[in-house]
Protein backbone atom coordinates (compact mmCIF):
# COMPACT_ATOMS: atom_id res chain seq x y z
CA UNK A 1 -17.37 -19.97 7.11
CA UNK A 2 -18.48 -16.53 8.32
CA UNK A 3 -17.01 -13.35 6.91
CA UNK A 4 -14.43 -11.65 9.11
CA UNK A 5 -15.40 -8.59 11.14
CA UNK A 6 -11.69 -7.82 11.43
CA UNK A 7 -11.45 -7.63 7.65
CA UNK A 8 -14.51 -5.38 7.52
CA UNK A 9 -12.75 -3.02 9.90
CA UNK A 10 -9.77 -2.93 7.53
CA UNK A 11 -12.07 -2.23 4.57
CA UNK A 12 -13.70 0.66 6.44
CA UNK A 13 -10.26 2.09 7.27
CA UNK A 14 -8.89 1.89 3.72
CA UNK A 15 -12.02 3.52 2.32
CA UNK A 16 -11.74 6.45 4.72
CA UNK A 17 -8.00 6.80 4.19
CA UNK A 18 -8.37 6.76 0.40
CA UNK A 19 -11.01 9.50 0.56
CA UNK A 20 -8.65 11.67 2.59
CA UNK A 21 -5.68 10.77 0.38
CA UNK A 22 -7.46 11.84 -2.80
CA UNK A 23 -8.46 15.16 -1.23
CA UNK A 24 -4.87 15.69 -0.07
CA UNK A 25 -3.42 15.00 -3.52
CA UNK A 26 -5.93 17.04 -5.50
CA UNK A 27 -5.16 20.04 -3.28
CA UNK A 28 -1.51 19.97 -4.38
CA UNK A 29 -0.21 22.12 -7.21
CA UNK A 30 1.56 20.69 -10.26
CA UNK A 31 4.82 22.05 -8.87
CA UNK A 32 4.28 20.33 -5.53
CA UNK A 33 3.40 17.03 -7.20
CA UNK A 34 6.67 17.05 -9.14
CA UNK A 35 8.99 17.70 -6.21
CA UNK A 36 11.59 15.01 -5.50
CA UNK A 37 11.00 13.23 -2.20
CA UNK A 38 14.16 13.16 -0.06
CA UNK A 39 15.59 9.71 0.55
CA UNK A 40 13.78 8.19 -2.45
CA UNK A 41 14.06 8.10 -6.24
CA UNK A 42 10.44 9.23 -6.59
CA UNK A 43 8.64 12.55 -6.88
CA UNK A 44 5.54 13.31 -4.81
CA UNK A 45 3.03 12.14 -7.42
CA UNK A 46 4.79 8.78 -7.80
CA UNK A 47 3.36 7.67 -4.47
CA UNK A 48 -0.13 7.95 -5.97
CA UNK A 49 0.85 5.49 -8.72
CA UNK A 50 2.40 3.18 -6.13
CA UNK A 51 -0.75 3.09 -4.00
CA UNK A 52 -2.79 2.50 -7.16
CA UNK A 53 -0.82 -0.41 -8.54
CA UNK A 54 0.22 -2.42 -5.49
CA UNK A 55 -3.44 -3.42 -5.20
CA UNK A 56 -3.05 -5.50 -8.37
CA UNK A 57 -0.56 -7.77 -6.60
CA UNK A 58 -2.48 -7.81 -3.34
CA UNK A 59 -5.78 -8.79 -4.93
CA UNK A 60 -4.22 -11.98 -6.32
CA UNK A 61 -2.63 -12.69 -2.98
CA UNK A 62 -5.96 -12.29 -1.18
CA UNK A 63 -7.71 -14.31 -3.87
CA UNK A 64 -5.43 -17.23 -3.09
CA UNK A 65 -6.19 -16.98 0.60
CA UNK A 66 -9.95 -16.64 0.06
CA UNK A 67 -9.86 -19.68 -2.21
CA UNK A 68 -8.63 -21.79 0.68
CA UNK A 69 -4.89 -21.71 0.05
CA UNK A 70 -2.61 -20.76 2.89
CA UNK A 71 -1.58 -17.16 2.40
CA UNK A 72 2.08 -18.14 2.53
CA UNK A 73 1.53 -20.35 -0.53
CA UNK A 74 -0.73 -18.00 -2.49
CA UNK A 75 0.53 -17.67 -6.06
CA UNK A 76 -0.97 -16.09 -9.15
CA UNK A 77 -0.11 -13.31 -11.55
CA UNK A 78 0.34 -9.58 -11.11
CA UNK A 79 0.12 -7.33 -14.16
CA UNK A 80 0.56 -10.29 -16.49
CA UNK A 81 3.71 -11.56 -14.80
CA UNK A 82 4.11 -14.64 -12.59
CA UNK A 83 3.50 -13.74 -8.94
CA UNK A 84 4.84 -15.77 -6.05
CA UNK A 85 4.74 -14.35 -2.52
CA UNK A 86 7.97 -16.18 -1.68
CA UNK A 87 10.05 -14.44 -4.35
CA UNK A 88 8.07 -11.30 -5.21
CA UNK A 89 10.49 -8.36 -5.69
CA UNK A 90 8.31 -5.56 -4.38
CA UNK A 91 10.92 -2.84 -5.03
CA UNK A 92 11.30 -3.77 -8.71
CA UNK A 93 7.54 -4.07 -9.11
CA UNK A 94 6.90 -0.68 -7.52
CA UNK A 95 9.54 1.12 -9.57
CA UNK A 96 8.30 -0.37 -12.84
CA UNK A 97 4.66 0.47 -12.15
CA UNK A 98 5.48 4.03 -11.10
CA UNK A 99 7.65 4.63 -14.17
CA UNK A 100 4.87 3.48 -16.50
CA UNK A 101 2.45 6.03 -15.02
CA UNK A 102 4.74 9.02 -14.55
CA UNK A 103 3.22 10.88 -17.51
CA UNK A 104 -0.39 10.05 -16.63
CA UNK A 105 -2.71 12.80 -15.39
CA UNK A 106 -3.54 12.43 -11.72
CA UNK A 107 -7.21 11.85 -12.56
CA UNK A 108 -6.29 8.83 -14.70
CA UNK A 109 -4.22 7.29 -11.92
CA UNK A 110 -7.00 7.71 -9.38
CA UNK A 111 -9.54 6.27 -11.82
CA UNK A 112 -7.39 3.16 -12.21
CA UNK A 113 -6.88 3.07 -8.45
CA UNK A 114 -10.63 3.15 -7.85
CA UNK A 115 -11.14 0.11 -10.09
CA UNK A 116 -8.19 -1.74 -8.57
CA UNK A 117 -9.39 -1.04 -5.05
CA UNK A 118 -12.95 -2.20 -5.83
CA UNK A 119 -11.63 -5.53 -7.13
CA UNK A 120 -9.35 -5.89 -4.12
CA UNK A 121 -12.20 -5.29 -1.68
CA UNK A 122 -14.23 -7.98 -3.46
CA UNK A 123 -11.46 -10.44 -2.64
CA UNK A 124 -11.07 -9.18 0.92
CA UNK A 125 -14.77 -9.62 1.65
CA UNK A 126 -14.34 -13.36 1.13
CA UNK A 127 -11.65 -13.70 3.79
CA UNK A 128 -12.59 -15.40 7.05
CA UNK A 129 -11.03 -15.15 10.50
CA UNK A 130 -9.52 -18.60 9.99
CA UNK A 131 -7.83 -17.51 6.78
CA UNK A 132 -6.40 -14.27 8.15
CA UNK A 133 -4.91 -16.16 11.10
CA UNK A 134 -2.74 -18.12 8.65
CA UNK A 135 0.88 -17.06 8.17
CA UNK A 136 1.92 -15.05 5.15
CA UNK A 137 5.43 -14.70 3.80
CA UNK A 138 6.99 -11.31 3.15
CA UNK A 139 9.98 -11.73 0.85
CA UNK A 140 11.61 -8.53 2.13
CA UNK A 141 12.64 -5.32 0.43
CA UNK A 142 15.64 -3.00 0.44
CA UNK A 143 15.10 -2.14 4.11
CA UNK A 144 13.21 -5.09 5.61
CA UNK A 145 14.28 -8.72 5.87
CA UNK A 146 12.08 -11.63 4.81
CA UNK A 147 9.69 -12.77 7.51
CA UNK A 148 6.51 -14.72 8.23
CA UNK A 149 3.60 -13.34 10.25
CA UNK A 150 -0.20 -13.67 10.36
CA UNK A 151 -2.10 -12.14 7.46
CA UNK A 152 -4.21 -10.36 10.10
CA UNK A 153 -1.13 -8.46 11.26
CA UNK A 154 -0.28 -7.45 7.71
CA UNK A 155 -3.82 -6.19 7.11
CA UNK A 156 -3.76 -4.04 10.24
CA UNK A 157 -0.63 -2.22 9.10
CA UNK A 158 -1.60 -2.10 5.44
CA UNK A 159 -4.89 -0.38 6.33
CA UNK A 160 -2.75 2.70 7.02
CA UNK A 161 -0.81 2.47 3.75
CA UNK A 162 -2.17 5.76 2.40
CA UNK A 163 -1.19 7.93 5.40
CA UNK A 164 2.11 6.06 5.64
CA UNK A 165 3.02 7.45 2.24
CA UNK A 166 1.52 10.87 2.93
CA UNK A 167 4.23 11.02 5.60
CA UNK A 168 6.77 10.36 2.83
CA UNK A 169 5.25 12.98 0.55
CA UNK A 170 5.30 15.59 3.33
CA UNK A 171 9.11 15.36 3.35
CA UNK A 172 9.00 17.26 0.05
CA UNK A 173 6.21 19.57 1.23
CA UNK A 174 7.58 21.35 4.32
CA UNK A 175 4.93 24.04 4.02
CA UNK A 176 2.34 21.40 4.99
CA UNK A 177 4.30 19.77 7.82
CA UNK A 178 2.55 21.78 10.53
CA UNK A 179 -0.97 21.44 9.15
CA UNK A 180 -3.02 20.33 12.17
CA UNK A 181 -5.39 18.07 10.22
CA UNK A 182 -2.54 16.28 8.46
CA UNK A 183 -0.65 15.88 11.73
CA UNK A 184 -3.67 14.26 13.36
CA UNK A 185 -4.05 11.92 10.39
CA UNK A 186 -0.43 10.84 10.60
CA UNK A 187 -0.45 10.44 14.39
CA UNK A 188 -0.70 6.68 14.14
CA UNK A 189 1.67 3.99 15.45
CA UNK A 190 1.75 2.19 12.09
CA UNK A 191 2.73 5.42 10.32
CA UNK A 192 5.42 6.41 12.80
CA UNK A 193 6.70 2.85 13.09
CA UNK A 194 7.06 2.47 9.33
CA UNK A 195 8.84 5.81 9.01
CA UNK A 196 11.29 4.87 11.76
CA UNK A 197 12.00 1.51 10.13
CA UNK A 198 12.50 2.91 6.64
CA UNK A 199 14.77 5.73 7.82
CA UNK A 200 17.50 3.22 8.62
CA UNK A 201 20.25 2.02 6.27
CA UNK A 202 19.53 -0.50 3.49
CA UNK A 203 19.81 -4.09 4.65
CA UNK A 204 22.83 -6.04 3.47
């Protein structure tokens, strides 16, 4: 089966967004990186660790799909623990990974992120159009209910994961809120849609 051009577009987008994200983070001072982000339990720099480590779960998910399994059934391990897309507690995973890296220098987190992202892209490059048309299961989180939708749809939104969380970080960095370059970067329907969704009350 031929490689997916849609997936290649996602790969191009995540590479460009990661380049911009690193530049954004390295321009922040230590004081800015340690500011609490309103509406979360994290500080600014914690979002770097989150974007680094979620790739370890995603690469196993994509590996299952690339191996011929339906994405909804993909199951493997993330960080040494059993991983099942049907029951994966993304909030608990994120908090644990962030806590483990809170004392790491930013350079160390980005070095790990570079390796994680390279491995993830290797898995993504094996995905075909047929595979990304299959449904995937999202087990939900503290704001979003469980749902099933095509892997292709997930990839389109996830390609903007870095700027999505820059929008979170900016909540603690009001001095950057009017920066024209940042505003253009965040002027994206996936970014604004995610922020609107996550600003609501926790689901019951």
